[in-house]
């Protein structure tokens, strides 16, 4: 009788231990996928924003030059 009880307790504990390890692996895999997705998204945003930022910078330089020319003309 004690032998059967020990076998049942051992079986149940092994079953729950095995299940918890599998869940941890699944969570770890999701973490890796999310990291890869975030890295890809960051790269895409960077490639999109770089030309836009350069165009804005060029536009600001042009506006500053026009303002300087207007001030110079007004002084004369």
PDB file of N, CA and C in Angstrom:
ATOM      1  N   UNK A   1       0.810  -1.184   0.000  1.00  0.00           N
ATOM      2  CA  UNK A   1       0.000   0.000   0.000  1.00  0.00           C
ATOM      3  C   UNK A   1       0.866   1.266   0.000  1.00  0.00           C
ATOM      4  N   UNK A   2       1.896   1.298   0.857  1.00  0.00           N
ATOM      5  CA  UNK A   2       2.774   2.459   0.892  1.00  0.00           C
ATOM      6  C   UNK A   2       3.554   2.613  -0.413  1.00  0.00           C
ATOM      7  N   UNK A   3       3.863   1.507  -1.007  1.00  0.00           N
ATOM      8  CA  UNK A   3       4.587   1.530  -2.279  1.00  0.00           C
ATOM      9  C   UNK A   3       3.751   2.202  -3.359  1.00  0.00           C
ATOM     10  N   UNK A   4       2.461   1.874  -3.456  1.00  0.00           N
ATOM     11  CA  UNK A   4       1.568   2.492  -4.445  1.00  0.00           C
ATOM     12  C   UNK A   4       1.407   3.985  -4.174  1.00  0.00           C
ATOM     13  N   UNK A   5       1.296   4.354  -2.920  1.00  0.00           N
ATOM     14  CA  UNK A   5       1.164   5.766  -2.560  1.00  0.00           C
ATOM     15  C   UNK A   5       2.431   6.536  -2.965  1.00  0.00           C
ATOM     16  N   UNK A   6       3.594   5.940  -2.730  1.00  0.00           N
ATOM     17  CA  UNK A   6       4.858   6.581  -3.095  1.00  0.00           C
ATOM     18  C   UNK A   6       4.976   6.724  -4.609  1.00  0.00           C
ATOM     19  N   UNK A   7       4.538   5.721  -5.355  1.00  0.00           N
ATOM     20  CA  UNK A   7       4.578   5.774  -6.813  1.00  0.00           C
ATOM     21  C   UNK A   7       3.650   6.870  -7.337  1.00  0.00           C
ATOM     22  N   UNK A   8       2.473   7.003  -6.774  1.00  0.00           N
ATOM     23  CA  UNK A   8       1.520   8.032  -7.208  1.00  0.00           C
ATOM     24  C   UNK A   8       2.072   9.415  -6.919  1.00  0.00           C
ATOM     25  N   UNK A   9       2.611   9.631  -5.732  1.00  0.00           N
ATOM     26  CA  UNK A   9       3.173  10.932  -5.371  1.00  0.00           C
ATOM     27  C   UNK A   9       4.348  11.266  -6.291  1.00  0.00           C
ATOM     28  N   UNK A  10       5.194  10.315  -6.539  1.00  0.00           N
ATOM     29  CA  UNK A  10       6.337  10.525  -7.424  1.00  0.00           C
ATOM     30  C   UNK A  10       5.890  10.834  -8.849  1.00  0.00           C
ATOM     31  N   UNK A  11       4.887  10.144  -9.335  1.00  0.00           N
ATOM     32  CA  UNK A  11       4.376  10.365 -10.690  1.00  0.00           C
ATOM     33  C   UNK A  11       3.782  11.759 -10.833  1.00  0.00           C
ATOM     34  N   UNK A  12       3.003  12.164  -9.849  1.00  0.00           N
ATOM     35  CA  UNK A  12       2.378  13.490  -9.897  1.00  0.00           C
ATOM     36  C   UNK A  12       3.439  14.583  -9.847  1.00  0.00           C
ATOM     37  N   UNK A  13       4.438  14.428  -8.974  1.00  0.00           N
ATOM     38  CA  UNK A  13       5.464  15.466  -8.873  1.00  0.00           C
ATOM     39  C   UNK A  13       6.294  15.558 -10.155  1.00  0.00           C
ATOM     40  N   UNK A  14       6.591  14.431 -10.778  1.00  0.00           N
ATOM     41  CA  UNK A  14       7.342  14.448 -12.036  1.00  0.00           C
ATOM     42  C   UNK A  14       6.518  15.094 -13.144  1.00  0.00           C
ATOM     43  N   UNK A  15       5.231  14.823 -13.171  1.00  0.00           N
ATOM     44  CA  UNK A  15       4.358  15.394 -14.198  1.00  0.00           C
ATOM     45  C   UNK A  15       4.308  16.912 -14.095  1.00  0.00           C
ATOM     46  N   UNK A  16       4.116  17.445 -12.884  1.00  0.00           N
ATOM     47  CA  UNK A  16       4.038  18.896 -12.724  1.00  0.00           C
ATOM     48  C   UNK A  16       5.380  19.568 -12.969  1.00  0.00           C
ATOM     49  N   UNK A  17       6.453  18.911 -12.613  1.00  0.00           N
ATOM     50  CA  UNK A  17       7.783  19.469 -12.861  1.00  0.00           C
ATOM     51  C   UNK A  17       8.058  19.529 -14.356  1.00  0.00           C
ATOM     52  N   UNK A  18       7.683  18.510 -15.078  1.00  0.00           N
ATOM     53  CA  UNK A  18       7.890  18.486 -16.522  1.00  0.00           C
ATOM     54  C   UNK A  18       7.084  19.549 -17.227  1.00  0.00           C
ATOM     55  N   UNK A  19       5.869  19.788 -16.811  1.00  0.00           N
ATOM     56  CA  UNK A  19       5.011  20.800 -17.441  1.00  0.00           C
ATOM     57  C   UNK A  19       5.553  22.197 -17.207  1.00  0.00           C
ATOM     58  N   UNK A  20       6.031  22.472 -16.014  1.00  0.00           N
ATOM     59  CA  UNK A  20       6.507  23.819 -15.725  1.00  0.00           C
ATOM     60  C   UNK A  20       7.755  24.148 -16.544  1.00  0.00           C
ATOM     61  N   UNK A  21       8.602  23.184 -16.820  1.00  0.00           N
ATOM     62  CA  UNK A  21       9.787  23.442 -17.630  1.00  0.00           C
ATOM     63  C   UNK A  21       9.400  23.778 -19.062  1.00  0.00           C
ATOM     64  N   UNK A  22       8.393  23.131 -19.582  1.00  0.00           N
ATOM     65  CA  UNK A  22       7.975  23.408 -20.952  1.00  0.00           C
ATOM     66  C   UNK A  22       7.399  24.817 -21.062  1.00  0.00           C
ATOM     67  N   UNK A  23       6.669  25.255 -20.078  1.00  0.00           N
ATOM     68  CA  UNK A  23       6.094  26.608 -20.116  1.00  0.00           C
ATOM     69  C   UNK A  23       7.195  27.654 -20.095  1.00  0.00           C
ATOM     70  N   UNK A  24       8.235  27.428 -19.304  1.00  0.00           N
ATOM     71  CA  UNK A  24       9.335  28.382 -19.256  1.00  0.00           C
ATOM     72  C   UNK A  24      10.023  28.483 -20.609  1.00  0.00           C
ATOM     73  N   UNK A  25      10.166  27.388 -21.305  1.00  0.00           N
ATOM     74  CA  UNK A  25      10.793  27.410 -22.621  1.00  0.00           C
ATOM     75  C   UNK A  25       9.936  28.171 -23.609  1.00  0.00           C
ATOM     76  N   UNK A  26       8.635  28.020 -23.537  1.00  0.00           N
ATOM     77  CA  UNK A  26       7.741  28.741 -24.445  1.00  0.00           C
ATOM     78  C   UNK A  26       7.828  30.231 -24.185  1.00  0.00           C
ATOM     79  N   UNK A  27       7.847  30.637 -22.925  1.00  0.00           N
ATOM     80  CA  UNK A  27       7.955  32.054 -22.584  1.00  0.00           C
ATOM     81  C   UNK A  27       9.287  32.600 -23.072  1.00  0.00           C
ATOM     82  N   UNK A  28      10.354  31.826 -22.951  1.00  0.00           N
ATOM     83  CA  UNK A  28      11.660  32.267 -23.410  1.00  0.00           C
ATOM     84  C   UNK A  28      11.673  32.441 -24.922  1.00  0.00           C
ATOM     85  N   UNK A  29      11.019  31.548 -25.646  1.00  0.00           N
ATOM     86  CA  UNK A  29      10.942  31.658 -27.105  1.00  0.00           C
ATOM     87  C   UNK A  29      10.183  32.917 -27.501  1.00  0.00           C
ATOM     88  N   UNK A  30       9.102  33.213 -26.805  1.00  0.00           N
ATOM     89  CA  UNK A  30       8.352  34.428 -27.116  1.00  0.00           C
ATOM     90  C   UNK A  30       9.222  35.653 -26.888  1.00  0.00           C
ATOM     91  N   UNK A  31      10.036  35.617 -25.860  1.00  0.00           N
ATOM     92  CA  UNK A  31      10.931  36.737 -25.590  1.00  0.00           C
ATOM     93  C   UNK A  31      11.913  36.952 -26.724  1.00  0.00           C
ATOM     94  N   UNK A  32      12.441  35.871 -27.264  1.00  0.00           N
ATOM     95  CA  UNK A  32      13.389  35.986 -28.377  1.00  0.00           C
ATOM     96  C   UNK A  32      12.709  36.546 -29.617  1.00  0.00           C
ATOM     97  N   UNK A  33      11.510  36.086 -29.885  1.00  0.00           N
ATOM     98  CA  UNK A  33      10.775  36.563 -31.063  1.00  0.00           C
ATOM     99  C   UNK A  33      10.446  38.039 -30.907  1.00  0.00           C
ATOM    100  N   UNK A  34      10.020  38.432 -29.716  1.00  0.00           N
ATOM    101  CA  UNK A  34       9.713  39.843 -29.479  1.00  0.00           C
ATOM    102  C   UNK A  34      10.958  40.707 -29.628  1.00  0.00           C
ATOM    103  N   UNK A  35      12.099  40.220 -29.159  1.00  0.00           N
ATOM    104  CA  UNK A  35      13.339  40.977 -29.305  1.00  0.00           C
ATOM    105  C   UNK A  35      13.690  41.156 -30.775  1.00  0.00           C
ATOM    106  N   UNK A  36      13.557  40.093 -31.552  1.00  0.00           N
ATOM    107  CA  UNK A  36      13.863  40.186 -32.979  1.00  0.00           C
ATOM    108  C   UNK A  36      12.899  41.141 -33.677  1.00  0.00           C
ATOM    109  N   UNK A  37      11.626  41.096 -33.291  1.00  0.00           N
ATOM    110  CA  UNK A  37      10.635  41.990 -33.880  1.00  0.00           C
ATOM    111  C   UNK A  37      10.955  43.438 -33.545  1.00  0.00           C
ATOM    112  N   UNK A  38      11.324  43.702 -32.294  1.00  0.00           N
ATOM    113  CA  UNK A  38      11.662  45.061 -31.889  1.00  0.00           C
ATOM    114  C   UNK A  38      12.894  45.572 -32.627  1.00  0.00           C
ATOM    115  N   UNK A  39      13.905  44.720 -32.778  1.00  0.00           N
ATOM    116  CA  UNK A  39      15.106  45.142 -33.501  1.00  0.00           C
ATOM    117  C   UNK A  39      14.786  45.466 -34.953  1.00  0.00           C
ATOM    118  N   UNK A  40      13.972  44.646 -35.580  1.00  0.00           N
ATOM    119  CA  UNK A  40      13.597  44.877 -36.974  1.00  0.00           C
ATOM    120  C   UNK A  40      12.801  46.169 -37.104  1.00  0.00           C
ATOM    121  N   UNK A  41      11.898  46.396 -36.174  1.00  0.00           N
ATOM    122  CA  UNK A  41      11.095  47.624 -36.208  1.00  0.00           C
ATOM    123  C   UNK A  41      11.978  48.851 -36.018  1.00  0.00           C
ATOM    124  N   UNK A  42      12.952  48.774 -35.111  1.00  0.00           N
ATOM    125  CA  UNK A  42      13.858  49.900 -34.899  1.00  0.00           C
ATOM    126  C   UNK A  42      14.664  50.209 -36.152  1.00  0.00           C
ATOM    127  N   UNK A  43      15.134  49.171 -36.817  1.00  0.00           N
ATOM    128  CA  UNK A  43      15.901  49.374 -38.055  1.00  0.00           C
ATOM    129  C   UNK A  43      15.029  50.018 -39.133  1.00  0.00           C
ATOM    130  N   UNK A  44      13.781  49.564 -39.246  1.00  0.00           N
ATOM    131  CA  UNK A  44      12.878  50.121 -40.261  1.00  0.00           C
ATOM    132  C   UNK A  44      12.582  51.587 -39.970  1.00  0.00           C
ATOM    133  N   UNK A  45      12.328  51.903 -38.718  1.00  0.00           N
ATOM    134  CA  UNK A  45      12.039  53.295 -38.345  1.00  0.00           C
ATOM    135  C   UNK A  45      13.245  54.167 -38.623  1.00  0.00           C
ATOM    136  N   UNK A  46      14.429  53.653 -38.316  1.00  0.00           N
ATOM    137  CA  UNK A  46      15.644  54.428 -38.547  1.00  0.00           C
ATOM    138  C   UNK A  46      15.849  54.702 -40.030  1.00  0.00           C
ATOM    139  N   UNK A  47      15.599  53.693 -40.868  1.00  0.00           N
ATOM    140  CA  UNK A  47      15.765  53.883 -42.315  1.00  0.00           C
ATOM    141  C   UNK A  47      14.734  54.839 -42.884  1.00  0.00           C
ATOM    142  N   UNK A  48      13.560  54.873 -42.298  1.00  0.00           N
ATOM    143  CA  UNK A  48      12.519  55.780 -42.779  1.00  0.00           C
ATOM    144  C   UNK A  48      12.780  57.204 -42.304  1.00  0.00           C
ATOM    145  N   UNK A  49      13.180  57.351 -41.059  1.00  0.00           N
ATOM    146  CA  UNK A  49      13.341  58.694 -40.482  1.00  0.00           C
ATOM    147  C   UNK A  49      14.603  59.409 -40.945  1.00  0.00           C
ATOM    148  N   UNK A  50      15.634  58.686 -41.288  1.00  0.00           N
ATOM    149  CA  UNK A  50      16.896  59.325 -41.672  1.00  0.00           C
ATOM    150  C   UNK A  50      16.728  60.267 -42.860  1.00  0.00           C
ATOM    151  N   UNK A  51      16.141  59.851 -43.972  1.00  0.00           N
ATOM    152  CA  UNK A  51      15.969  60.797 -45.080  1.00  0.00           C
ATOM    153  C   UNK A  51      15.034  61.965 -44.734  1.00  0.00           C
ATOM    154  N   UNK A  52      14.027  61.682 -43.934  1.00  0.00           N
ATOM    155  CA  UNK A  52      13.097  62.751 -43.545  1.00  0.00           C
ATOM    156  C   UNK A  52      13.819  63.782 -42.692  1.00  0.00           C
ATOM    157  N   UNK A  53      14.639  63.323 -41.743  1.00  0.00           N
ATOM    158  CA  UNK A  53      15.387  64.251 -40.899  1.00  0.00           C
ATOM    159  C   UNK A  53      16.388  65.065 -41.712  1.00  0.00           C
ATOM    160  N   UNK A  54      17.026  64.416 -42.696  1.00  0.00           N
ATOM    161  CA  UNK A  54      17.966  65.140 -43.550  1.00  0.00           C
ATOM    162  C   UNK A  54      17.249  66.206 -44.370  1.00  0.00           C
ATOM    163  N   UNK A  55      16.072  65.880 -44.865  1.00  0.00           N
ATOM    164  CA  UNK A  55      15.304  66.858 -45.658  1.00  0.00           C
ATOM    165  C   UNK A  55      14.881  68.037 -44.786  1.00  0.00           C
ATOM    166  N   UNK A  56      14.473  67.748 -43.568  1.00  0.00           N
ATOM    167  CA  UNK A  56      14.092  68.846 -42.654  1.00  0.00           C
ATOM    168  C   UNK A  56      15.291  69.732 -42.337  1.00  0.00           C
ATOM    169  N   UNK A  57      16.440  69.102 -42.127  1.00  0.00           N
ATOM    170  CA  UNK A  57      17.654  69.865 -41.840  1.00  0.00           C
ATOM    171  C   UNK A  57      18.027  70.761 -43.004  1.00  0.00           C
ATOM    172  N   UNK A  58      17.920  70.247 -44.208  1.00  0.00           N
ATOM    173  CA  UNK A  58      18.222  71.030 -45.403  1.00  0.00           C
ATOM    174  C   UNK A  58      17.229  72.179 -45.557  1.00  0.00           C
ATOM    175  N   UNK A  59      15.981  71.901 -45.278  1.00  0.00           N
ATOM    176  CA  UNK A  59      14.951  72.937 -45.359  1.00  0.00           C
ATOM    177  C   UNK A  59      15.222  74.052 -44.350  1.00  0.00           C
ATOM    178  N   UNK A  60      15.625  73.677 -43.144  1.00  0.00           N
ATOM    179  CA  UNK A  60      15.929  74.680 -42.119  1.00  0.00           C
ATOM    180  C   UNK A  60      17.120  75.530 -42.519  1.00  0.00           C
ATOM    181  N   UNK A  61      18.135  74.915 -43.126  1.00  0.00           N
ATOM    182  CA  UNK A  61      19.290  75.688 -43.583  1.00  0.00           C
ATOM    183  C   UNK A  61      18.882  76.697 -44.649  1.00  0.00           C
ATOM    184  N   UNK A  62      18.027  76.252 -45.563  1.00  0.00           N
ATOM    185  CA  UNK A  62      17.564  77.161 -46.615  1.00  0.00           C
ATOM    186  C   UNK A  62      16.761  78.317 -46.037  1.00  0.00           C
ATOM    187  N   UNK A  63      15.913  78.022 -45.064  1.00  0.00           N
ATOM    188  CA  UNK A  63      15.125  79.084 -44.428  1.00  0.00           C
ATOM    189  C   UNK A  63      16.017  80.088 -43.700  1.00  0.00           C
ATOM    190  N   UNK A  64      17.055  79.585 -43.025  1.00  0.00           N
ATOM    191  CA  UNK A  64      17.973  80.473 -42.323  1.00  0.00           C
ATOM    192  C   UNK A  64      18.719  81.377 -43.300  1.00  0.00           C
ATOM    193  N   UNK A  65      19.131  80.841 -44.416  1.00  0.00           N
ATOM    194  CA  UNK A  65      19.835  81.654 -45.420  1.00  0.00           C
ATOM    195  C   UNK A  65      18.925  82.737 -45.991  1.00  0.00           C
ATOM    196  N   UNK A  66      17.675  82.381 -46.250  1.00  0.00           N
ATOM    197  CA  UNK A  66      16.734  83.384 -46.762  1.00  0.00           C
ATOM    198  C   UNK A  66      16.495  84.485 -45.739  1.00  0.00           C
ATOM    199  N   UNK A  67      16.381  84.120 -44.479  1.00  0.00           N
ATOM    200  CA  UNK A  67      16.195  85.142 -43.441  1.00  0.00           C
ATOM    201  C   UNK A  67      17.397  86.065 -43.342  1.00  0.00           C
ATOM    202  N   UNK A  68      18.599  85.513 -43.440  1.00  0.00           N
ATOM    203  CA  UNK A  68      19.810  86.331 -43.404  1.00  0.00           C
ATOM    204  C   UNK A  68      19.877  87.272 -44.601  1.00  0.00           C
ATOM    205  N   UNK A  69      19.470  86.791 -45.765  1.00  0.00           N
ATOM    206  CA  UNK A  69      19.473  87.635 -46.958  1.00  0.00           C
ATOM    207  C   UNK A  69      18.447  88.753 -46.820  1.00  0.00           C
ATOM    208  N   UNK A  70      17.278  88.441 -46.263  1.00  0.00           N
ATOM    209  CA  UNK A  70      16.256  89.474 -46.050  1.00  0.00           C
ATOM    210  C   UNK A  70      16.751  90.541 -45.085  1.00  0.00           C
ATOM    211  N   UNK A  71      17.414  90.125 -44.018  1.00  0.00           N
ATOM    212  CA  UNK A  71      17.943  91.103 -43.052  1.00  0.00           C
ATOM    213  C   UNK A  71      19.009  91.980 -43.696  1.00  0.00           C
ATOM    214  N   UNK A  72      19.847  91.364 -44.522  1.00  0.00           N
ATOM    215  CA  UNK A  72      20.902  92.137 -45.178  1.00  0.00           C
ATOM    216  C   UNK A  72      20.302  93.150 -46.143  1.00  0.00           C
ATOM    217  N   UNK A  73      19.251  92.770 -46.848  1.00  0.00           N
ATOM    218  CA  UNK A  73      18.612  93.690 -47.786  1.00  0.00           C
ATOM    219  C   UNK A  73      17.895  94.825 -47.060  1.00  0.00           C
ATOM    220  N   UNK A  74      17.320  94.531 -45.916  1.00  0.00           N
ATOM    221  CA  UNK A  74      16.606  95.559 -45.151  1.00  0.00           C
ATOM    222  C   UNK A  74      17.555  96.582 -44.567  1.00  0.00           C
ATOM    223  N   UNK A  75      18.782  96.176 -44.240  1.00  0.00           N
ATOM    224  CA  UNK A  75      19.773  97.096 -43.673  1.00  0.00           C
ATOM    225  C   UNK A  75      20.278  98.081 -44.718  1.00  0.00           C
ATOM    226  N   UNK A  76      20.239  97.700 -45.972  1.00  0.00           N
ATOM    227  CA  UNK A  76      20.783  98.585 -47.010  1.00  0.00           C
ATOM    228  C   UNK A  76      19.837  99.633 -47.338  1.00  0.00           C
TER     229      UNK A  76
END
